[in-house]
Protein backbone atom coordinates (compact mmCIF):
# COMPACT_ATOMS: atom_id res chain seq x y z
CA GLY A 1 -12.89 3.48 13.67
CA LEU A 2 -9.47 4.12 12.17
CA LEU A 3 -10.72 5.88 9.04
CA ARG A 4 -12.93 8.27 10.99
CA GLU A 5 -10.01 9.16 13.27
CA LEU A 6 -7.59 9.66 10.40
CA CYS A 7 -9.86 11.59 8.03
CA PRO A 8 -12.37 13.65 10.04
CA GLY A 9 -14.55 15.89 7.91
CA ARG A 10 -13.28 14.53 4.60
CA ASP A 11 -15.85 14.68 1.81
CA PRO A 12 -16.70 11.21 0.48
CA PRO A 13 -15.46 9.06 -0.90
CA LEU A 14 -12.21 8.40 0.91
CA LEU A 15 -9.60 7.11 -1.52
CA GLY A 16 -7.29 4.20 -0.78
CA LEU A 17 -4.41 2.60 -2.69
CA ASP A 18 -3.40 -1.02 -2.05
CA VAL A 19 0.01 -1.84 -3.52
CA GLY A 20 0.71 -5.52 -4.13
CA CYS A 21 -2.82 -6.78 -3.55
CA ASN A 22 -2.08 -10.35 -4.73
CA SER A 23 -5.39 -12.18 -5.35
CA GLY A 24 -7.35 -9.72 -3.25
CA GLU A 25 -8.25 -11.69 -0.12
CA LEU A 26 -6.38 -9.39 2.25
CA SER A 27 -7.56 -6.29 0.36
CA ILE A 28 -11.18 -7.32 0.82
CA ALA A 29 -10.60 -8.16 4.48
CA MET A 30 -8.95 -4.76 5.05
CA TYR A 31 -11.80 -3.03 3.24
CA ARG A 32 -14.34 -4.74 5.50
CA HIS A 33 -12.29 -3.91 8.58
CA LEU A 34 -11.84 -0.24 7.70
CA LEU A 35 -15.57 0.20 7.09
CA ALA A 36 -16.65 -2.11 9.95
CA LEU A 37 -18.53 -4.34 7.51
CA PRO A 38 -19.75 -7.79 8.59
CA ASP A 39 -17.91 -10.78 7.17
CA LEU A 40 -20.80 -11.50 4.81
CA PRO A 41 -21.67 -10.53 1.23
CA SER A 42 -23.08 -7.02 1.16
CA LEU A 43 -24.87 -4.95 -1.45
CA SER A 44 -23.90 -1.69 0.23
CA PRO A 45 -20.22 -0.83 0.77
CA ARG A 46 -21.01 1.23 3.85
CA GLY A 47 -20.75 -0.20 7.32
CA ASP A 48 -21.48 1.00 10.82
CA SER A 49 -18.88 3.73 10.31
CA GLY A 50 -21.10 5.46 7.72
CA LEU A 51 -17.98 6.16 5.65
CA ASP A 52 -17.53 5.66 1.93
CA LEU A 53 -14.20 4.25 0.72
CA HIS A 54 -13.00 3.56 -2.80
CA LEU A 55 -9.98 1.27 -2.86
CA LEU A 56 -7.69 0.98 -5.90
CA CYS A 57 -5.77 -2.30 -5.69
CA CYS A 58 -2.84 -3.19 -7.94
CA ASP A 59 -0.50 -6.11 -8.49
CA ILE A 60 2.12 -6.93 -11.10
CA ASP A 61 0.52 -10.32 -11.90
CA PRO A 62 -2.48 -10.07 -14.28
CA GLU A 63 -3.72 -13.56 -13.32
CA LEU A 64 -3.89 -12.59 -9.64
CA ILE A 65 -5.81 -9.47 -10.62
CA ARG A 66 -8.26 -11.57 -12.66
CA ARG A 67 -8.90 -13.78 -9.62
CA ALA A 68 -9.32 -10.76 -7.37
CA ARG A 69 -11.89 -9.21 -9.70
CA SER A 70 -13.88 -12.42 -9.93
CA ASN A 71 -14.03 -12.83 -6.15
CA CYS A 72 -14.63 -9.21 -5.11
CA PRO A 73 -18.02 -8.59 -3.41
CA PHE A 74 -17.69 -4.80 -3.81
CA PRO A 75 -16.99 -4.19 -7.52
CA ASN A 76 -18.33 -0.63 -7.38
CA SER A 77 -15.98 0.36 -4.56
CA MET A 78 -12.88 -1.78 -5.15
CA THR A 79 -10.94 -1.55 -8.42
CA PHE A 80 -8.29 -4.16 -9.26
CA LEU A 81 -5.71 -3.31 -11.92
CA PRO A 82 -2.52 -5.01 -13.15
CA LEU A 83 0.39 -2.63 -12.62
CA ASP A 84 4.15 -2.70 -12.15
CA ILE A 85 4.38 -0.10 -9.39
CA MET A 86 8.06 0.54 -10.23
CA ASP A 87 7.30 1.44 -13.85
CA ARG A 88 6.79 5.19 -13.72
CA GLU A 89 5.67 5.49 -17.33
CA SER A 90 2.63 3.29 -16.75
CA ARG A 91 2.13 3.97 -13.03
CA ASP A 92 1.91 7.74 -12.91
CA PRO A 93 -0.65 8.26 -15.71
CA LEU A 94 -2.84 5.50 -14.30
CA LEU A 95 -2.84 6.88 -10.76
CA ASP A 96 -3.25 10.46 -11.96
CA SER A 97 -6.25 9.46 -14.05
CA HIS A 98 -7.83 7.64 -11.12
CA LEU A 99 -7.36 10.56 -8.74
CA GLU A 100 -8.65 13.07 -11.27
CA ARG A 101 -11.93 11.15 -11.46
CA PHE A 102 -12.51 12.28 -7.89
CA GLY A 103 -10.94 15.72 -8.21
CA ARG A 104 -8.13 14.74 -5.86
CA SER A 105 -4.36 15.03 -5.84
CA ARG A 106 -3.49 12.15 -3.50
CA PHE A 107 -4.91 9.12 -1.74
CA ASP A 108 -6.13 9.39 1.83
CA LEU A 109 -4.62 6.02 2.75
CA ALA A 110 -2.10 3.70 1.11
CA LEU A 111 -1.70 0.06 2.12
CA CYS A 112 1.54 -1.82 1.55
CA MET A 113 1.40 -5.29 3.05
CA SER A 114 4.43 -7.58 2.70
CA VAL A 115 5.70 -5.91 -0.46
CA THR A 116 8.85 -4.01 0.54
CA MET A 117 11.12 -7.09 0.52
CA TRP A 118 10.27 -7.93 -3.10
CA ILE A 119 10.89 -4.34 -4.19
CA HIS A 120 14.17 -4.39 -2.25
CA LEU A 121 15.40 -7.71 -3.67
CA ARG A 122 14.52 -6.82 -7.26
CA HIS A 123 15.57 -3.17 -7.28
CA GLY A 124 18.15 -2.84 -4.49
CA ASP A 125 18.53 -0.11 -1.87
CA ARG A 126 18.00 2.62 -4.42
CA GLY A 127 14.80 1.02 -5.69
CA LEU A 128 13.44 0.65 -2.17
CA ARG A 129 14.13 4.31 -1.44
CA GLU A 130 12.45 5.35 -4.68
CA PHE A 131 9.44 3.18 -3.84
CA LEU A 132 9.09 4.71 -0.37
CA GLU A 133 9.46 8.21 -1.79
CA PHE A 134 6.75 7.42 -4.32
CA LEU A 135 4.36 6.06 -1.67
CA SER A 136 4.88 8.98 0.68
CA SER A 137 4.22 11.48 -2.11
CA ARG A 138 0.93 9.84 -3.02
CA CYS A 139 -0.89 9.49 0.29
CA SER A 140 -1.81 11.29 3.48
CA PHE A 141 -1.51 8.12 5.59
CA LEU A 142 0.48 4.95 4.97
CA LEU A 143 -0.15 1.57 6.60
CA LEU A 144 2.96 -0.54 6.04
CA GLU A 145 3.89 -4.13 6.86
CA PRO A 146 7.59 -4.55 6.02
CA GLN A 147 9.17 -7.99 5.98
CA PRO A 148 12.02 -8.54 8.47
CA TRP A 149 15.50 -9.67 7.43
CA LYS A 150 14.77 -13.33 8.20
CA CYS A 151 12.28 -13.30 5.31
CA TYR A 152 15.05 -12.14 2.97
CA ARG A 153 17.26 -15.04 4.06
CA ALA A 154 14.39 -17.48 3.58
CA ALA A 155 13.73 -16.14 0.07
CA ALA A 156 17.42 -16.56 -0.81
CA ARG A 157 17.43 -20.12 0.55
CA ARG A 158 14.41 -21.01 -1.56
CA LEU A 159 16.22 -19.85 -4.70
CA ARG A 160 19.33 -21.85 -3.84
CA ARG A 161 17.26 -25.00 -3.24
CA LEU A 162 15.87 -24.54 -6.75
CA GLY A 163 19.43 -24.45 -8.08
CA ARG A 164 19.27 -20.77 -8.97
CA SER A 165 21.62 -17.95 -8.02
CA ASP A 166 20.81 -15.39 -5.34
CA TRP A 167 18.59 -12.42 -5.96
CA GLU A 168 20.55 -9.91 -8.00
CA HIS A 169 20.85 -7.34 -5.21
CA PHE A 170 20.74 -9.61 -2.14
CA ARG A 171 24.42 -9.65 -1.18
CA GLY A 172 24.94 -5.97 -1.91
CA LEU A 173 22.06 -4.62 0.16
CA GLY A 174 23.12 -1.97 2.64
CA ILE A 175 19.73 -1.85 4.34
CA ARG A 176 19.71 -5.13 6.27
CA GLY A 177 19.43 -6.44 9.81
CA ASP A 178 16.58 -4.42 11.29
CA VAL A 179 14.96 -3.65 7.95
CA PRO A 180 11.72 -2.21 9.40
CA ALA A 181 13.77 0.32 11.38
CA GLY A 182 15.69 1.22 8.23
CA ILE A 183 12.46 1.74 6.31
CA CYS A 184 11.01 3.80 9.15
CA GLY A 185 14.14 5.96 9.10
CA ILE A 186 13.87 6.60 5.36
CA LEU A 187 10.21 7.56 5.62
CA THR A 188 10.62 9.88 8.60
CA ARG A 189 13.98 11.38 7.66
CA ASP A 190 13.74 11.70 3.88
CA CYS A 191 10.09 11.37 2.87
CA GLY A 192 8.18 13.80 5.05
CA MET A 193 6.38 11.13 7.08
CA GLU A 194 5.96 10.69 10.82
CA LEU A 195 5.32 7.40 12.60
CA LEU A 196 1.94 7.57 14.30
CA CYS A 197 1.62 4.06 15.65
CA SER A 198 3.14 0.61 15.66
CA PHE A 199 0.35 -1.93 16.00
CA GLY A 200 2.71 -4.67 17.15
CA ASN A 201 3.51 -7.80 15.20
CA THR A 202 1.17 -9.70 12.90
CA GLU A 203 0.74 -13.48 13.02
CA TRP A 204 3.73 -13.67 10.65
CA ASP A 205 5.85 -11.77 13.20
CA ARG A 206 5.93 -8.62 11.09
CA SER A 207 5.44 -5.11 12.39
CA LEU A 208 2.44 -3.08 11.21
CA LEU A 209 3.32 0.62 11.03
CA LEU A 210 1.08 3.64 10.47
CA PHE A 211 2.63 6.83 9.09
CA ARG A 212 1.22 10.29 8.42
CA SER A 213 2.48 12.75 5.83
CA THR A 214 3.76 16.03 7.23
CA ARG A 215 3.52 17.65 3.80
CA GLU A 216 0.58 19.81 2.85
CA SER A 217 -1.50 17.88 0.33
CA GLY A 218 -3.69 20.71 -0.90
CA ASP A 219 -6.71 18.39 -0.60
CA SER A 220 -9.32 19.84 1.71
CA GLY A 221 -12.00 17.38 0.72
CA GLU A 222 -13.25 19.70 -1.99
CA SER A 223 -12.85 18.97 -5.69
CA ARG A 224 -9.56 19.98 -7.20
CA ASP A 225 -8.07 19.41 -10.60
CA GLY A 226 -4.56 18.12 -11.08
CA ARG A 227 -1.82 17.16 -8.68
CA GLU A 228 0.07 19.40 -6.30
């Protein structure tokens, strides 16, 4: 499986971060997929892979987090927390505290599914770059599903139909057109990541990209206090 290939010899548990988990359905499906679990309720969060994964899932909406918690079949292995991922003052202490529980300095895998557009629209080009720099500094591997430019246009049209003005940064965005390529360029050129694989397009016609950090993490699978 993917986790075994990415993290051979890593002491358990493997640590994952899911940014923008919404109400948790996709997070749970990804958790099952990564551990090769059957699509049924399970008392043991270990599948045919024999791996142990703890997944920290966050979303800015507390109500979505409440729903995710209530529907999660793996409460001992999946943690759902409300968090504004762009708020450093709340984000960094929370993530540091979580990692320190396991004696780790970074996550093995970060998931970011259909989140980049919302960061981009709300925080502009600079905010998107800061977000990508943050993600790349916090994980060894990154699985990313960026929205294409047509999704930006659709989001702007929805606002106009509601009689509201465009997103604050929409017209001034410099990263546009082939947005996934722009994001890939930022990660590989400026963030110490390399593109391992493009899994093709999802059912929503979005690319699914897997990156690996080229920076030394300092995590060898053994316990370690603090961050690098």
